[in-house]
Amino acid sequence: MAGQDPFYLVKDDIQTSLDKAQDAFIAWQNAGKGSSERRRLQPEIEEECKSIAWQVDEMEKAVDVAEKNMNRFGLTTQEIRSRRSWVHDTRRTVEGMSTSVETAKQIASKMTQPNATPGAKLSSAMQQDNERFIGTETDRQQMVMR
């Protein structure tokens, strides 16, 4: 049934986009702060994450409809749970990447301000640590999902 189920066709497309975004995100993390590579990858990651988030929202709506008509679509409660889990996990992965990129963008903006106080710089350093942690957790969660 999975071969004919449109959920799995769309899921595969989203997963391909997610893999591409994660590869770009890893390259972004490994690029030096302020590097041209990092500046090039940032908007690519942001756009890819927005697109994936929209697609995941649409998938969630489809799962809602399927749950209301499980018999019509020949689905079990287990299958609905599995689909919801995938939607949830994918959304968390995308949100983690988006948050990391946005935080880095804000930090870079603060660090380039000529009047940045030592307190602001310390705050930026703490945010960078949080960004690294979120990125690491996102990577680890994705490895568990595979």
Protein backbone atom coordinates (compact mmCIF):
# COMPACT_ATOMS: atom_id res chain seq x y z
CA MET A 1 0.00 0.00 0.00
CA ALA A 2 2.86 2.38 0.76
CA GLY A 3 3.88 2.42 -2.91
CA GLN A 4 0.48 3.82 -3.97
CA ASP A 5 -0.11 6.05 -0.95
CA PRO A 6 0.43 9.71 -1.88
CA PHE A 7 1.65 10.39 1.67
CA TYR A 8 4.80 8.41 1.01
CA LEU A 9 5.41 10.02 -2.37
CA VAL A 10 5.23 13.50 -0.84
CA LYS A 11 7.17 12.37 2.22
CA ASP A 12 10.02 11.20 -0.03
CA ASP A 13 10.07 14.57 -1.81
CA ILE A 14 10.14 16.43 1.50
CA GLN A 15 12.84 14.12 2.83
CA THR A 16 14.97 14.85 -0.24
CA SER A 17 14.58 18.59 0.39
CA LEU A 18 15.33 18.09 4.08
CA ASP A 19 18.49 16.14 3.29
CA LYS A 20 19.63 18.92 0.96
CA ALA A 21 18.91 21.55 3.63
CA GLN A 22 20.77 19.52 6.26
CA ASP A 23 23.80 19.15 4.01
CA ALA A 24 23.81 22.93 3.48
CA PHE A 25 23.32 23.47 7.21
CA ILE A 26 26.28 21.26 8.08
CA ALA A 27 28.44 23.09 5.53
CA TRP A 28 27.19 26.38 7.02
CA GLN A 29 28.12 25.23 10.53
CA ASN A 30 31.58 24.20 9.38
CA ALA A 31 32.22 27.42 7.46
CA GLY A 32 34.07 30.12 9.34
CA LYS A 33 31.97 32.83 10.89
CA GLY A 34 31.77 35.75 8.50
CA SER A 35 33.05 33.65 5.59
CA SER A 36 31.65 34.11 2.11
CA GLU A 37 30.57 30.44 2.12
CA ARG A 38 28.52 31.00 5.26
CA ARG A 39 26.93 34.16 3.82
CA ARG A 40 26.11 32.27 0.61
CA LEU A 41 24.54 29.30 2.40
CA GLN A 42 22.48 31.25 4.91
CA PRO A 43 19.70 32.47 2.57
CA GLU A 44 19.62 29.07 0.85
CA ILE A 45 19.01 27.36 4.20
CA GLU A 46 16.41 29.93 5.24
CA GLU A 47 14.43 29.51 2.01
CA GLU A 48 14.67 25.72 2.06
CA CYS A 49 13.48 25.64 5.67
CA LYS A 50 10.51 27.90 4.87
CA SER A 51 9.54 25.67 1.97
CA ILE A 52 9.87 22.47 3.98
CA ALA A 53 7.93 23.97 6.90
CA TRP A 54 5.05 24.84 4.54
CA GLN A 55 5.08 21.35 3.04
CA VAL A 56 5.10 19.77 6.50
CA ASP A 57 2.13 21.94 7.50
CA GLU A 58 0.27 20.65 4.44
CA MET A 59 1.21 17.07 5.32
CA GLU A 60 -0.15 17.59 8.81
CA LYS A 61 -3.47 18.73 7.34
CA ALA A 62 -3.55 15.62 5.17
CA VAL A 63 -2.91 13.43 8.21
CA ASP A 64 -5.77 15.19 10.03
CA VAL A 65 -8.11 14.37 7.14
CA ALA A 66 -6.88 10.79 6.97
CA GLU A 67 -7.38 10.35 10.71
CA LYS A 68 -11.02 11.41 10.42
CA ASN A 69 -11.57 8.89 7.60
CA MET A 70 -9.22 6.04 8.54
CA ASN A 71 -11.53 3.33 7.20
CA ARG A 72 -11.98 5.12 3.89
CA PHE A 73 -8.23 5.33 3.40
CA GLY A 74 -7.51 1.89 4.87
CA LEU A 75 -5.28 3.25 7.65
CA THR A 76 -4.68 2.01 11.15
CA THR A 77 -4.20 4.02 14.32
CA GLN A 78 -0.57 2.86 14.31
CA GLU A 79 -0.09 4.27 10.79
CA ILE A 80 -1.63 7.61 11.77
CA ARG A 81 0.66 7.75 14.82
CA SER A 82 3.66 6.99 12.62
CA ARG A 83 2.72 9.76 10.21
CA ARG A 84 2.19 12.27 13.02
CA SER A 85 5.55 11.30 14.48
CA TRP A 86 7.28 11.91 11.16
CA VAL A 87 5.57 15.30 10.79
CA HIS A 88 6.55 16.26 14.34
CA ASP A 89 10.17 15.11 13.99
CA THR A 90 10.60 16.80 10.62
CA ARG A 91 9.13 20.04 11.92
CA ARG A 92 11.51 20.01 14.91
CA THR A 93 14.50 19.41 12.66
CA VAL A 94 13.55 22.31 10.39
CA GLU A 95 12.83 24.60 13.34
CA GLY A 96 16.21 23.76 14.84
CA MET A 97 18.05 24.68 11.65
CA SER A 98 16.00 27.86 11.21
CA THR A 99 16.59 28.93 14.79
CA SER A 100 20.33 28.36 14.51
CA VAL A 101 20.63 30.36 11.31
CA GLU A 102 18.45 33.19 12.61
CA THR A 103 20.35 33.36 15.91
CA ALA A 104 23.67 33.48 14.08
CA LYS A 105 22.34 36.24 11.86
CA GLN A 106 21.29 38.27 14.92
CA ILE A 107 24.62 37.68 16.64
CA ALA A 108 26.54 38.74 13.55
CA SER A 109 24.45 41.87 13.37
CA LYS A 110 25.16 42.72 17.02
CA MET A 111 28.87 41.96 16.71
CA THR A 112 29.28 44.28 13.75
CA GLN A 113 27.71 47.19 15.61
CA PRO A 114 30.55 49.56 16.51
CA ASN A 115 28.98 50.52 19.85
CA ALA A 116 28.57 46.96 21.11
CA THR A 117 29.11 46.88 24.86
CA PRO A 118 31.06 44.12 26.60
CA GLY A 119 27.73 42.86 27.99
CA ALA A 120 26.27 42.64 24.49
CA LYS A 121 29.34 40.78 23.30
CA LEU A 122 29.04 38.33 26.21
CA SER A 123 25.38 37.85 25.40
CA SER A 124 26.33 37.19 21.79
CA ALA A 125 28.91 34.63 22.87
CA MET A 126 26.29 32.86 24.98
CA GLN A 127 23.90 32.85 22.05
CA GLN A 128 26.61 31.34 19.87
CA ASP A 129 27.05 28.54 22.40
CA ASN A 130 23.29 27.97 22.36
CA GLU A 131 23.33 27.95 18.56
CA ARG A 132 26.05 25.30 18.51
CA PHE A 133 24.11 23.21 21.01
CA ILE A 134 20.90 23.43 18.97
CA GLY A 135 22.79 22.51 15.81
CA THR A 136 24.40 19.53 17.51
CA GLU A 137 21.07 18.35 18.90
CA THR A 138 19.43 18.73 15.50
CA ASP A 139 22.17 16.64 13.92
CA ARG A 140 21.90 14.00 16.61
CA GLN A 141 18.10 13.79 16.32
CA GLN A 142 18.35 13.45 12.57
CA MET A 143 20.87 10.63 12.92
CA VAL A 144 18.46 8.83 15.25
CA MET A 145 15.64 9.25 12.71
CA ARG A 146 17.71 7.63 9.95
